[in-house]
Amino acid sequence: WTTVAFANSYTSPVVIPGVVTTNEGDEVVVRMRNLSDGSVQIRLVEPVGRDGTHGNETVSLLVVEAGTHVLPDGTQVVAERFSSSKSCAIGESASRTFETAFADTPVIFASIQTSAGGNSEFASTRIMTTTETGFSVCIEEEEIQTAGHGVVEQMGYVAISGGSIANNGTHLEIFSVADQTSTAAAQAYPIVFSDTPVVFAQVASRTETDSAQVRMSTSD
């Protein structure tokens, strides 16, 4: 486990791992534990059937204080932690309703905030459906695991309005990309950044039951 210290202190932080690089080709998810007001521990987990160890990858973290926030330009951001054991494998999902509805369908980033064990450590979140008022999410494990997760985990999500956002010198581009497949494809940003940006991306639908995670080879 690697301990990551936050740049700021939080009362109730929600932590979202960014897209993992592809220095090694084996499937991998980011698991977390010991989340506190100033740090979290993370590690990479491969599915059963791989060698169990994984080479060095770059993982970025987004940390947001739980609650409903409105940025100076009017952008709404909602972050929440909640408990769930709902598993994609057995057709379950947890529904969350936003305290304040969004004007349009927001972009959702979700993650498992704990590492309680369960039937598989290779587990991540999968967004099922999203509307202006809420969304549904389940715990997705490796395809060989069909019995469900088996334990309750602390979950977290960040929902944010789509668009171009400039806040305190930080520029954010929030958008969704449709019709993505397992074939690697270049994705252009809506703008040209002055430096290499940090990228966060997740699968935001579940049109088939196979497990899937987003991986990244380069970011310019």
C-alpha atoms as a PDB file:
ATOM      1  CA  TRP A   1       0.000   0.000   0.000  1.00  0.00           C
ATOM      2  CA  THR A   2       1.132   3.550  -0.808  1.00  0.00           C
ATOM      3  CA  THR A   3       0.107   6.449   1.426  1.00  0.00           C
ATOM      4  CA  VAL A   4      -0.841   9.619  -0.455  1.00  0.00           C
ATOM      5  CA  ALA A   5      -1.007  12.851   1.562  1.00  0.00           C
ATOM      6  CA  PHE A   6      -3.524  15.483   0.447  1.00  0.00           C
ATOM      7  CA  ALA A   7      -2.446  19.054  -0.218  1.00  0.00           C
ATOM      8  CA  ASN A   8      -5.338  20.247   1.978  1.00  0.00           C
ATOM      9  CA  SER A   9      -7.206  18.966   5.016  1.00  0.00           C
ATOM     10  CA  TYR A  10     -10.848  17.868   4.661  1.00  0.00           C
ATOM     11  CA  THR A  11     -13.758  17.117   6.960  1.00  0.00           C
ATOM     12  CA  SER A  12     -15.344  14.401   4.800  1.00  0.00           C
ATOM     13  CA  PRO A  13     -13.288  13.855   1.633  1.00  0.00           C
ATOM     14  CA  VAL A  14     -14.436  11.901  -1.412  1.00  0.00           C
ATOM     15  CA  VAL A  15     -11.525  10.469  -3.395  1.00  0.00           C
ATOM     16  CA  ILE A  16     -11.699   9.538  -7.091  1.00  0.00           C
ATOM     17  CA  PRO A  17      -8.727   7.815  -8.774  1.00  0.00           C
ATOM     18  CA  GLY A  18      -7.876   9.070 -12.246  1.00  0.00           C
ATOM     19  CA  VAL A  19      -7.246   6.983 -15.357  1.00  0.00           C
ATOM     20  CA  VAL A  20      -4.450   4.469 -14.809  1.00  0.00           C
ATOM     21  CA  THR A  21      -1.649   4.498 -17.378  1.00  0.00           C
ATOM     22  CA  THR A  22      -0.816   1.382 -19.420  1.00  0.00           C
ATOM     23  CA  ASN A  23       2.839   0.710 -18.666  1.00  0.00           C
ATOM     24  CA  GLU A  24       1.813  -2.933 -18.179  1.00  0.00           C
ATOM     25  CA  GLY A  25      -0.989  -4.551 -20.136  1.00  0.00           C
ATOM     26  CA  ASP A  26      -2.625  -6.692 -17.407  1.00  0.00           C
ATOM     27  CA  GLU A  27      -5.994  -5.468 -16.163  1.00  0.00           C
ATOM     28  CA  VAL A  28      -5.809  -3.430 -12.959  1.00  0.00           C
ATOM     29  CA  VAL A  29      -8.018  -1.411 -10.627  1.00  0.00           C
ATOM     30  CA  VAL A  30      -7.135   1.065  -7.879  1.00  0.00           C
ATOM     31  CA  ARG A  31      -8.242   0.074  -4.361  1.00  0.00           C
ATOM     32  CA  MET A  32      -8.208   2.402  -1.355  1.00  0.00           C
ATOM     33  CA  ARG A  33      -8.217   2.109   2.430  1.00  0.00           C
ATOM     34  CA  ASN A  34      -7.624   4.209   5.561  1.00  0.00           C
ATOM     35  CA  LEU A  35      -9.179   7.351   4.099  1.00  0.00           C
ATOM     36  CA  SER A  36      -8.737  10.226   6.561  1.00  0.00           C
ATOM     37  CA  ASP A  37      -9.014  14.020   6.534  1.00  0.00           C
ATOM     38  CA  GLY A  38      -5.461  14.337   5.211  1.00  0.00           C
ATOM     39  CA  SER A  39      -4.455  11.152   3.365  1.00  0.00           C
ATOM     40  CA  VAL A  40      -5.460   7.825   1.836  1.00  0.00           C
ATOM     41  CA  GLN A  41      -3.700   4.548   1.049  1.00  0.00           C
ATOM     42  CA  ILE A  42      -3.939   3.120  -2.476  1.00  0.00           C
ATOM     43  CA  ARG A  43      -2.725   0.025  -4.320  1.00  0.00           C
ATOM     44  CA  LEU A  44      -3.175  -1.623  -7.709  1.00  0.00           C
ATOM     45  CA  VAL A  45      -5.035  -4.955  -7.855  1.00  0.00           C
ATOM     46  CA  GLU A  46      -5.041  -7.439 -10.736  1.00  0.00           C
ATOM     47  CA  PRO A  47      -7.787 -10.045 -11.311  1.00  0.00           C
ATOM     48  CA  VAL A  48      -7.475 -13.714 -10.443  1.00  0.00           C
ATOM     49  CA  GLY A  49      -5.468 -15.541 -13.118  1.00  0.00           C
ATOM     50  CA  ARG A  50      -2.814 -12.833 -13.512  1.00  0.00           C
ATOM     51  CA  ASP A  51       0.536 -12.909 -11.716  1.00  0.00           C
ATOM     52  CA  GLY A  52      -0.748 -10.764  -8.837  1.00  0.00           C
ATOM     53  CA  THR A  53       1.953  -8.110  -9.138  1.00  0.00           C
ATOM     54  CA  HIS A  54       1.819  -5.060 -11.359  1.00  0.00           C
ATOM     55  CA  GLY A  55       4.462  -2.697 -12.684  1.00  0.00           C
ATOM     56  CA  ASN A  56       4.572   0.988 -11.802  1.00  0.00           C
ATOM     57  CA  GLU A  57       1.680   3.055 -13.146  1.00  0.00           C
ATOM     58  CA  THR A  58       0.714   6.700 -12.733  1.00  0.00           C
ATOM     59  CA  VAL A  59      -2.483   7.279 -10.750  1.00  0.00           C
ATOM     60  CA  SER A  60      -3.979  10.733 -10.166  1.00  0.00           C
ATOM     61  CA  LEU A  61      -6.447  11.485  -7.370  1.00  0.00           C
ATOM     62  CA  LEU A  62      -9.356  13.919  -7.290  1.00  0.00           C
ATOM     63  CA  VAL A  63     -10.330  14.925  -3.731  1.00  0.00           C
ATOM     64  CA  VAL A  64     -13.556  16.831  -3.084  1.00  0.00           C
ATOM     65  CA  GLU A  65     -15.223  17.774   0.200  1.00  0.00           C
ATOM     66  CA  ALA A  66     -18.565  16.002   0.561  1.00  0.00           C
ATOM     67  CA  GLY A  67     -21.550  18.280  -0.001  1.00  0.00           C
ATOM     68  CA  THR A  68     -23.179  20.405  -2.686  1.00  0.00           C
ATOM     69  CA  HIS A  69     -20.955  23.171  -4.038  1.00  0.00           C
ATOM     70  CA  VAL A  70     -21.548  25.966  -6.543  1.00  0.00           C
ATOM     71  CA  LEU A  71     -18.458  27.425  -8.224  1.00  0.00           C
ATOM     72  CA  PRO A  72     -18.236  31.180  -9.018  1.00  0.00           C
ATOM     73  CA  ASP A  73     -19.342  30.579 -12.618  1.00  0.00           C
ATOM     74  CA  GLY A  74     -22.451  28.700 -11.442  1.00  0.00           C
ATOM     75  CA  THR A  75     -21.115  25.184 -12.036  1.00  0.00           C
ATOM     76  CA  GLN A  76     -22.672  22.701  -9.608  1.00  0.00           C
ATOM     77  CA  VAL A  77     -20.556  20.016  -7.957  1.00  0.00           C
ATOM     78  CA  VAL A  78     -22.030  17.316  -5.702  1.00  0.00           C
ATOM     79  CA  ALA A  79     -19.854  14.896  -3.686  1.00  0.00           C
ATOM     80  CA  GLU A  80     -21.132  12.192  -1.352  1.00  0.00           C
ATOM     81  CA  ARG A  81     -20.036   9.087   0.514  1.00  0.00           C
ATOM     82  CA  PHE A  82     -22.460   6.239   1.176  1.00  0.00           C
ATOM     83  CA  SER A  83     -22.425   2.536   2.047  1.00  0.00           C
ATOM     84  CA  SER A  84     -23.326  -0.231  -0.420  1.00  0.00           C
ATOM     85  CA  SER A  85     -22.717  -3.866  -1.288  1.00  0.00           C
ATOM     86  CA  LYS A  86     -24.827  -3.781  -4.466  1.00  0.00           C
ATOM     87  CA  SER A  87     -23.153  -5.944  -7.115  1.00  0.00           C
ATOM     88  CA  CYS A  88     -23.390  -5.746 -10.903  1.00  0.00           C
ATOM     89  CA  ALA A  89     -22.862  -9.527 -11.108  1.00  0.00           C
ATOM     90  CA  ILE A  90     -26.221 -10.309  -9.503  1.00  0.00           C
ATOM     91  CA  GLY A  91     -28.152  -7.485 -11.107  1.00  0.00           C
ATOM     92  CA  GLU A  92     -28.107  -5.047  -8.186  1.00  0.00           C
ATOM     93  CA  SER A  93     -27.452  -1.323  -8.124  1.00  0.00           C
ATOM     94  CA  ALA A  94     -27.585   1.513  -5.595  1.00  0.00           C
ATOM     95  CA  SER A  95     -29.591   4.615  -6.492  1.00  0.00           C
ATOM     96  CA  ARG A  96     -28.503   8.075  -5.347  1.00  0.00           C
ATOM     97  CA  THR A  97     -30.580  11.246  -5.578  1.00  0.00           C
ATOM     98  CA  PHE A  98     -28.895  14.660  -5.731  1.00  0.00           C
ATOM     99  CA  GLU A  99     -29.881  17.144  -3.043  1.00  0.00           C
ATOM    100  CA  THR A 100     -30.263  19.756  -5.788  1.00  0.00           C
ATOM    101  CA  ALA A 101     -31.071  18.647  -9.329  1.00  0.00           C
ATOM    102  CA  PHE A 102     -28.720  19.634 -12.170  1.00  0.00           C
ATOM    103  CA  ALA A 103     -29.901  21.691 -15.130  1.00  0.00           C
ATOM    104  CA  ASP A 104     -28.559  18.985 -17.478  1.00  0.00           C
ATOM    105  CA  THR A 105     -27.292  15.440 -17.007  1.00  0.00           C
ATOM    106  CA  PRO A 106     -24.003  15.719 -15.083  1.00  0.00           C
ATOM    107  CA  VAL A 107     -20.793  13.766 -15.479  1.00  0.00           C
ATOM    108  CA  ILE A 108     -20.319  11.216 -12.667  1.00  0.00           C
ATOM    109  CA  PHE A 109     -17.073   9.898 -11.208  1.00  0.00           C
ATOM    110  CA  ALA A 110     -17.464   7.122  -8.610  1.00  0.00           C
ATOM    111  CA  SER A 111     -15.123   4.874  -6.630  1.00  0.00           C
ATOM    112  CA  ILE A 112     -14.923   2.425  -3.738  1.00  0.00           C
ATOM    113  CA  GLN A 113     -13.425   4.282  -0.771  1.00  0.00           C
ATOM    114  CA  THR A 114     -12.621   1.210   1.371  1.00  0.00           C
ATOM    115  CA  SER A 115     -11.131  -2.254   1.014  1.00  0.00           C
ATOM    116  CA  ALA A 116     -13.410  -4.442   3.122  1.00  0.00           C
ATOM    117  CA  GLY A 117     -12.503  -7.732   1.432  1.00  0.00           C
ATOM    118  CA  GLY A 118     -15.480  -9.437  -0.136  1.00  0.00           C
ATOM    119  CA  ASN A 119     -15.405 -12.106  -2.795  1.00  0.00           C
ATOM    120  CA  SER A 120     -12.848 -10.290  -4.923  1.00  0.00           C
ATOM    121  CA  GLU A 121     -10.338  -7.479  -4.415  1.00  0.00           C
ATOM    122  CA  PHE A 122     -10.519  -6.744  -8.148  1.00  0.00           C
ATOM    123  CA  ALA A 123     -13.518  -4.462  -7.773  1.00  0.00           C
ATOM    124  CA  SER A 124     -14.467  -1.017  -9.027  1.00  0.00           C
ATOM    125  CA  THR A 125     -17.623   1.007  -9.635  1.00  0.00           C
ATOM    126  CA  ARG A 126     -19.810   0.927 -12.729  1.00  0.00           C
ATOM    127  CA  ILE A 127     -22.282   3.700 -13.470  1.00  0.00           C
ATOM    128  CA  MET A 128     -25.565   2.267 -14.767  1.00  0.00           C
ATOM    129  CA  THR A 129     -27.799   5.259 -15.538  1.00  0.00           C
ATOM    130  CA  THR A 130     -27.571   9.016 -14.975  1.00  0.00           C
ATOM    131  CA  THR A 131     -30.209  11.772 -15.060  1.00  0.00           C
ATOM    132  CA  GLU A 132     -30.422  15.371 -13.869  1.00  0.00           C
ATOM    133  CA  THR A 133     -31.771  14.183 -10.499  1.00  0.00           C
ATOM    134  CA  GLY A 134     -29.591  11.171  -9.695  1.00  0.00           C
ATOM    135  CA  PHE A 135     -27.863   8.018 -10.867  1.00  0.00           C
ATOM    136  CA  SER A 136     -27.418   4.314 -10.145  1.00  0.00           C
ATOM    137  CA  VAL A 137     -24.133   2.478  -9.562  1.00  0.00           C
ATOM    138  CA  CYS A 138     -22.966  -1.032  -8.736  1.00  0.00           C
ATOM    139  CA  ILE A 139     -19.758  -2.754  -7.636  1.00  0.00           C
ATOM    140  CA  GLU A 140     -18.210  -4.485 -10.643  1.00  0.00           C
ATOM    141  CA  GLU A 141     -15.769  -7.347 -10.190  1.00  0.00           C
ATOM    142  CA  GLU A 142     -13.904  -9.677 -12.526  1.00  0.00           C
ATOM    143  CA  GLU A 143     -16.187 -11.672 -14.797  1.00  0.00           C
ATOM    144  CA  ILE A 144     -15.394 -14.997 -13.096  1.00  0.00           C
ATOM    145  CA  GLN A 145     -16.945 -13.672  -9.884  1.00  0.00           C
ATOM    146  CA  THR A 146     -20.708 -14.195 -10.121  1.00  0.00           C
ATOM    147  CA  ALA A 147     -21.748 -14.410  -6.456  1.00  0.00           C
ATOM    148  CA  GLY A 148     -21.785 -10.696  -5.719  1.00  0.00           C
ATOM    149  CA  HIS A 149     -19.378  -8.647  -3.643  1.00  0.00           C
ATOM    150  CA  GLY A 150     -20.485 -10.061  -0.299  1.00  0.00           C
ATOM    151  CA  VAL A 151     -19.520  -7.163   1.996  1.00  0.00           C
ATOM    152  CA  VAL A 152     -20.512  -3.541   2.478  1.00  0.00           C
ATOM    153  CA  GLU A 153     -18.056  -0.937   1.191  1.00  0.00           C
ATOM    154  CA  GLN A 154     -17.910   2.824   1.614  1.00  0.00           C
ATOM    155  CA  MET A 155     -18.604   4.302  -1.811  1.00  0.00           C
ATOM    156  CA  GLY A 156     -18.056   7.821  -3.076  1.00  0.00           C
ATOM    157  CA  TYR A 157     -18.948   9.917  -6.088  1.00  0.00           C
ATOM    158  CA  VAL A 158     -18.467  13.363  -7.571  1.00  0.00           C
ATOM    159  CA  ALA A 159     -21.109  14.739  -9.946  1.00  0.00           C
ATOM    160  CA  ILE A 160     -20.300  17.867 -11.923  1.00  0.00           C
ATOM    161  CA  SER A 161     -21.982  19.937 -14.600  1.00  0.00           C
ATOM    162  CA  GLY A 162     -20.506  19.500 -18.061  1.00  0.00           C
ATOM    163  CA  GLY A 163     -18.731  22.325 -19.829  1.00  0.00           C
ATOM    164  CA  SER A 164     -15.649  24.519 -19.712  1.00  0.00           C
ATOM    165  CA  ILE A 165     -14.779  25.717 -16.200  1.00  0.00           C
ATOM    166  CA  ALA A 166     -12.112  28.157 -14.998  1.00  0.00           C
ATOM    167  CA  ASN A 167     -11.773  28.392 -11.219  1.00  0.00           C
ATOM    168  CA  ASN A 168      -8.893  29.884  -9.194  1.00  0.00           C
ATOM    169  CA  GLY A 169      -6.420  29.437 -12.041  1.00  0.00           C
ATOM    170  CA  THR A 170      -7.477  25.853 -12.763  1.00  0.00           C
ATOM    171  CA  HIS A 171      -9.137  25.028 -16.082  1.00  0.00           C
ATOM    172  CA  LEU A 172     -11.503  22.057 -16.266  1.00  0.00           C
ATOM    173  CA  GLU A 173     -13.079  20.492 -19.337  1.00  0.00           C
ATOM    174  CA  ILE A 174     -15.996  18.234 -18.343  1.00  0.00           C
ATOM    175  CA  PHE A 175     -17.570  16.178 -21.132  1.00  0.00           C
ATOM    176  CA  SER A 176     -18.846  12.736 -22.133  1.00  0.00           C
ATOM    177  CA  VAL A 177     -17.796  10.665 -25.139  1.00  0.00           C
ATOM    178  CA  ALA A 178     -20.299   8.229 -26.681  1.00  0.00           C
ATOM    179  CA  ASP A 179     -19.811   4.884 -28.448  1.00  0.00           C
ATOM    180  CA  GLN A 180     -16.444   3.891 -26.985  1.00  0.00           C
ATOM    181  CA  THR A 181     -15.199   0.293 -27.447  1.00  0.00           C
ATOM    182  CA  SER A 182     -12.237  -1.845 -26.368  1.00  0.00           C
ATOM    183  CA  THR A 183     -10.258  -0.528 -29.341  1.00  0.00           C
ATOM    184  CA  ALA A 184      -7.843   2.227 -28.331  1.00  0.00           C
ATOM    185  CA  ALA A 185      -8.887   5.576 -29.797  1.00  0.00           C
ATOM    186  CA  ALA A 186      -7.401   9.050 -29.633  1.00  0.00           C
ATOM    187  CA  GLN A 187      -9.525  11.591 -27.804  1.00  0.00           C
ATOM    188  CA  ALA A 188      -8.981  15.278 -28.510  1.00  0.00           C
ATOM    189  CA  TYR A 189      -9.583  17.810 -25.756  1.00  0.00           C
ATOM    190  CA  PRO A 190     -12.031  20.664 -26.430  1.00  0.00           C
ATOM    191  CA  ILE A 191      -9.150  23.105 -25.844  1.00  0.00           C
ATOM    192  CA  VAL A 192      -5.349  23.086 -25.964  1.00  0.00           C
ATOM    193  CA  PHE A 193      -3.852  23.067 -22.453  1.00  0.00           C
ATOM    194  CA  SER A 194      -0.652  24.924 -21.626  1.00  0.00           C
ATOM    195  CA  ASP A 195       0.661  21.875 -19.720  1.00  0.00           C
ATOM    196  CA  THR A 196      -0.120  18.158 -19.739  1.00  0.00           C
ATOM    197  CA  PRO A 197      -3.510  17.855 -17.989  1.00  0.00           C
ATOM    198  CA  VAL A 198      -4.639  15.311 -15.410  1.00  0.00           C
ATOM    199  CA  VAL A 199      -7.313  13.052 -16.919  1.00  0.00           C
ATOM    200  CA  PHE A 200     -10.251  11.444 -15.129  1.00  0.00           C
ATOM    201  CA  ALA A 201     -12.520   9.115 -17.101  1.00  0.00           C
ATOM    202  CA  GLN A 202     -14.915   6.279 -16.318  1.00  0.00           C
ATOM    203  CA  VAL A 203     -17.340   4.047 -18.176  1.00  0.00           C
ATOM    204  CA  ALA A 204     -20.663   5.840 -17.713  1.00  0.00           C
ATOM    205  CA  SER A 205     -23.074   3.175 -18.962  1.00  0.00           C
ATOM    206  CA  ARG A 206     -23.526  -0.613 -18.943  1.00  0.00           C
ATOM    207  CA  THR A 207     -24.831  -1.861 -22.262  1.00  0.00           C
ATOM    208  CA  GLU A 208     -23.290  -5.315 -21.747  1.00  0.00           C
ATOM    209  CA  THR A 209     -22.341  -7.317 -18.667  1.00  0.00           C
ATOM    210  CA  ASP A 210     -18.591  -7.696 -19.277  1.00  0.00           C
ATOM    211  CA  SER A 211     -16.348  -5.881 -16.806  1.00  0.00           C
ATOM    212  CA  ALA A 212     -14.602  -2.809 -18.212  1.00  0.00           C
ATOM    213  CA  GLN A 213     -12.252  -0.050 -17.064  1.00  0.00           C
ATOM    214  CA  VAL A 214     -10.796   2.934 -18.883  1.00  0.00           C
ATOM    215  CA  ARG A 215      -7.012   2.869 -19.423  1.00  0.00           C
ATOM    216  CA  MET A 216      -4.769   5.533 -20.926  1.00  0.00           C
ATOM    217  CA  SER A 217      -1.554   5.250 -22.930  1.00  0.00           C
ATOM    218  CA  THR A 218      -0.601   8.935 -23.304  1.00  0.00           C
ATOM    219  CA  SER A 219      -1.839  12.353 -22.232  1.00  0.00           C
ATOM    220  CA  ASP A 220      -0.622  15.502 -24.027  1.00  0.00           C
END
